[in-house]
């Protein structure tokens, strides 16, 4: 069975400026039977260009569904301590078998 989702949003109320912010795990979808488990590590500052900072985090996506995921795309929104949206990222997964874990970095 083919599973396709596009431009679905993952909202992560993470503190991107804190040096020791804990990692976060998000199940998608948030209600019902989970399909994917996303795990985000601590954000690391890669430097800045003027007022804009670039961050990276180690990310894993695990297919917790019993079926292959042929294609899934997510927009990732990041928020600071005051719940102001401070960043945006993109996650795209393809051909992820049941129980398979995919590791990558998110910028």
C-alpha atoms as a PDB file:
ATOM      1  CA  UNK A   1       0.000   0.000   0.000  1.00  0.00           C
ATOM      2  CA  UNK A   2       1.270   3.438  -0.855  1.00  0.00           C
ATOM      3  CA  UNK A   3       1.380   6.123   1.806  1.00  0.00           C
ATOM      4  CA  UNK A   4       1.660   9.675   0.573  1.00  0.00           C
ATOM      5  CA  UNK A   5       1.515  12.843   2.612  1.00  0.00           C
ATOM      6  CA  UNK A   6       2.691  16.214   1.496  1.00  0.00           C
ATOM      7  CA  UNK A   7       3.261  19.492   3.253  1.00  0.00           C
ATOM      8  CA  UNK A   8       2.102  18.202   6.611  1.00  0.00           C
ATOM      9  CA  UNK A   9       3.329  20.287   9.491  1.00  0.00           C
ATOM     10  CA  UNK A  10       5.306  19.144  12.487  1.00  0.00           C
ATOM     11  CA  UNK A  11       5.234  21.785  15.136  1.00  0.00           C
ATOM     12  CA  UNK A  12       8.097  21.559  17.559  1.00  0.00           C
ATOM     13  CA  UNK A  13       7.929  23.878  20.547  1.00  0.00           C
ATOM     14  CA  UNK A  14      11.657  23.592  21.068  1.00  0.00           C
ATOM     15  CA  UNK A  15      13.956  26.108  22.610  1.00  0.00           C
ATOM     16  CA  UNK A  16      16.492  26.562  19.831  1.00  0.00           C
ATOM     17  CA  UNK A  17      18.667  29.059  21.677  1.00  0.00           C
ATOM     18  CA  UNK A  18      19.245  27.010  24.831  1.00  0.00           C
ATOM     19  CA  UNK A  19      22.587  25.227  24.851  1.00  0.00           C
ATOM     20  CA  UNK A  20      21.384  22.235  26.873  1.00  0.00           C
ATOM     21  CA  UNK A  21      17.856  21.900  25.535  1.00  0.00           C
ATOM     22  CA  UNK A  22      16.689  18.295  25.774  1.00  0.00           C
ATOM     23  CA  UNK A  23      15.927  16.325  22.646  1.00  0.00           C
ATOM     24  CA  UNK A  24      12.329  15.793  21.656  1.00  0.00           C
ATOM     25  CA  UNK A  25      10.323  12.841  20.353  1.00  0.00           C
ATOM     26  CA  UNK A  26       7.185  13.385  18.294  1.00  0.00           C
ATOM     27  CA  UNK A  27       4.749  10.728  17.122  1.00  0.00           C
ATOM     28  CA  UNK A  28       2.912  11.430  13.879  1.00  0.00           C
ATOM     29  CA  UNK A  29       0.019  11.675  13.668  1.00  0.00           C
ATOM     30  CA  UNK A  30      -0.530  13.050  17.145  1.00  0.00           C
ATOM     31  CA  UNK A  31      -3.814  11.146  17.551  1.00  0.00           C
ATOM     32  CA  UNK A  32      -4.808   7.697  16.431  1.00  0.00           C
ATOM     33  CA  UNK A  33      -2.372   4.991  15.378  1.00  0.00           C
ATOM     34  CA  UNK A  34       1.175   6.379  15.033  1.00  0.00           C
ATOM     35  CA  UNK A  35       2.888   6.032  11.664  1.00  0.00           C
ATOM     36  CA  UNK A  36       6.228   7.765  12.299  1.00  0.00           C
ATOM     37  CA  UNK A  37       8.328   8.504  15.378  1.00  0.00           C
ATOM     38  CA  UNK A  38      10.626  11.511  14.948  1.00  0.00           C
ATOM     39  CA  UNK A  39      13.482  12.014  17.420  1.00  0.00           C
ATOM     40  CA  UNK A  40      15.351  15.319  17.415  1.00  0.00           C
ATOM     41  CA  UNK A  41      18.672  15.834  19.183  1.00  0.00           C
ATOM     42  CA  UNK A  42      20.011  19.063  20.582  1.00  0.00           C
ATOM     43  CA  UNK A  43      20.313  21.944  18.151  1.00  0.00           C
ATOM     44  CA  UNK A  44      23.835  23.118  17.388  1.00  0.00           C
ATOM     45  CA  UNK A  45      24.551  26.624  16.153  1.00  0.00           C
ATOM     46  CA  UNK A  46      26.505  26.535  12.870  1.00  0.00           C
ATOM     47  CA  UNK A  47      27.133  30.263  12.917  1.00  0.00           C
ATOM     48  CA  UNK A  48      25.383  33.316  11.647  1.00  0.00           C
ATOM     49  CA  UNK A  49      25.200  35.702   8.742  1.00  0.00           C
ATOM     50  CA  UNK A  50      24.110  38.990  10.221  1.00  0.00           C
ATOM     51  CA  UNK A  51      20.993  38.436  12.336  1.00  0.00           C
ATOM     52  CA  UNK A  52      20.246  34.997  10.871  1.00  0.00           C
ATOM     53  CA  UNK A  53      21.579  31.908  12.673  1.00  0.00           C
ATOM     54  CA  UNK A  54      21.915  28.450  11.164  1.00  0.00           C
ATOM     55  CA  UNK A  55      21.243  25.386  13.304  1.00  0.00           C
ATOM     56  CA  UNK A  56      21.524  21.636  12.770  1.00  0.00           C
ATOM     57  CA  UNK A  57      20.169  18.687  14.732  1.00  0.00           C
ATOM     58  CA  UNK A  58      20.596  14.929  14.429  1.00  0.00           C
ATOM     59  CA  UNK A  59      17.229  13.448  13.513  1.00  0.00           C
ATOM     60  CA  UNK A  60      15.815   9.947  13.292  1.00  0.00           C
ATOM     61  CA  UNK A  61      12.539   8.893  11.737  1.00  0.00           C
ATOM     62  CA  UNK A  62      11.213   5.433  12.562  1.00  0.00           C
ATOM     63  CA  UNK A  63       8.366   3.772  10.689  1.00  0.00           C
ATOM     64  CA  UNK A  64       6.208   2.411  13.526  1.00  0.00           C
ATOM     65  CA  UNK A  65       3.422   1.504  11.107  1.00  0.00           C
ATOM     66  CA  UNK A  66       3.109  -2.037   9.781  1.00  0.00           C
ATOM     67  CA  UNK A  67       3.424  -0.933   6.152  1.00  0.00           C
ATOM     68  CA  UNK A  68       6.019   0.617   3.833  1.00  0.00           C
ATOM     69  CA  UNK A  69       5.943   4.417   3.530  1.00  0.00           C
ATOM     70  CA  UNK A  70       6.605   5.233  -0.104  1.00  0.00           C
ATOM     71  CA  UNK A  71       6.763   9.028   0.265  1.00  0.00           C
ATOM     72  CA  UNK A  72       6.168  11.511   3.084  1.00  0.00           C
ATOM     73  CA  UNK A  73       7.089  15.189   3.339  1.00  0.00           C
ATOM     74  CA  UNK A  74       6.865  17.478   6.353  1.00  0.00           C
ATOM     75  CA  UNK A  75       7.391  21.145   7.088  1.00  0.00           C
ATOM     76  CA  UNK A  76       9.087  21.655  10.450  1.00  0.00           C
ATOM     77  CA  UNK A  77       8.430  24.845  12.431  1.00  0.00           C
ATOM     78  CA  UNK A  78      10.711  25.825  15.324  1.00  0.00           C
ATOM     79  CA  UNK A  79       9.779  28.121  18.198  1.00  0.00           C
ATOM     80  CA  UNK A  80      11.806  29.953  20.851  1.00  0.00           C
ATOM     81  CA  UNK A  81      11.105  30.223  24.592  1.00  0.00           C
ATOM     82  CA  UNK A  82       8.415  32.865  24.069  1.00  0.00           C
ATOM     83  CA  UNK A  83       6.646  30.676  21.469  1.00  0.00           C
ATOM     84  CA  UNK A  84       7.707  32.925  18.600  1.00  0.00           C
ATOM     85  CA  UNK A  85       8.346  31.044  15.379  1.00  0.00           C
ATOM     86  CA  UNK A  86      12.068  31.417  14.686  1.00  0.00           C
ATOM     87  CA  UNK A  87      12.802  28.793  12.076  1.00  0.00           C
ATOM     88  CA  UNK A  88      11.558  26.436   9.447  1.00  0.00           C
ATOM     89  CA  UNK A  89      12.886  23.200   7.994  1.00  0.00           C
ATOM     90  CA  UNK A  90      11.870  20.459   5.602  1.00  0.00           C
ATOM     91  CA  UNK A  91      11.833  16.686   6.083  1.00  0.00           C
ATOM     92  CA  UNK A  92      11.298  14.294   3.196  1.00  0.00           C
ATOM     93  CA  UNK A  93      11.229  10.511   3.532  1.00  0.00           C
ATOM     94  CA  UNK A  94      10.889   7.876   0.843  1.00  0.00           C
ATOM     95  CA  UNK A  95      10.810   4.091   0.651  1.00  0.00           C
ATOM     96  CA  UNK A  96      10.865   3.460   4.419  1.00  0.00           C
ATOM     97  CA  UNK A  97      10.019  -0.145   5.293  1.00  0.00           C
ATOM     98  CA  UNK A  98       7.989  -1.225   8.314  1.00  0.00           C
ATOM     99  CA  UNK A  99      10.151  -0.865  11.445  1.00  0.00           C
ATOM    100  CA  UNK A 100      12.968   0.828   9.526  1.00  0.00           C
ATOM    101  CA  UNK A 101      14.881   3.733  11.102  1.00  0.00           C
ATOM    102  CA  UNK A 102      16.283   6.551   8.950  1.00  0.00           C
ATOM    103  CA  UNK A 103      18.989   8.851  10.394  1.00  0.00           C
ATOM    104  CA  UNK A 104      19.780  12.285   8.957  1.00  0.00           C
ATOM    105  CA  UNK A 105      20.494  15.881   9.919  1.00  0.00           C
ATOM    106  CA  UNK A 106      17.899  18.625   9.821  1.00  0.00           C
ATOM    107  CA  UNK A 107      19.033  22.204   9.163  1.00  0.00           C
END
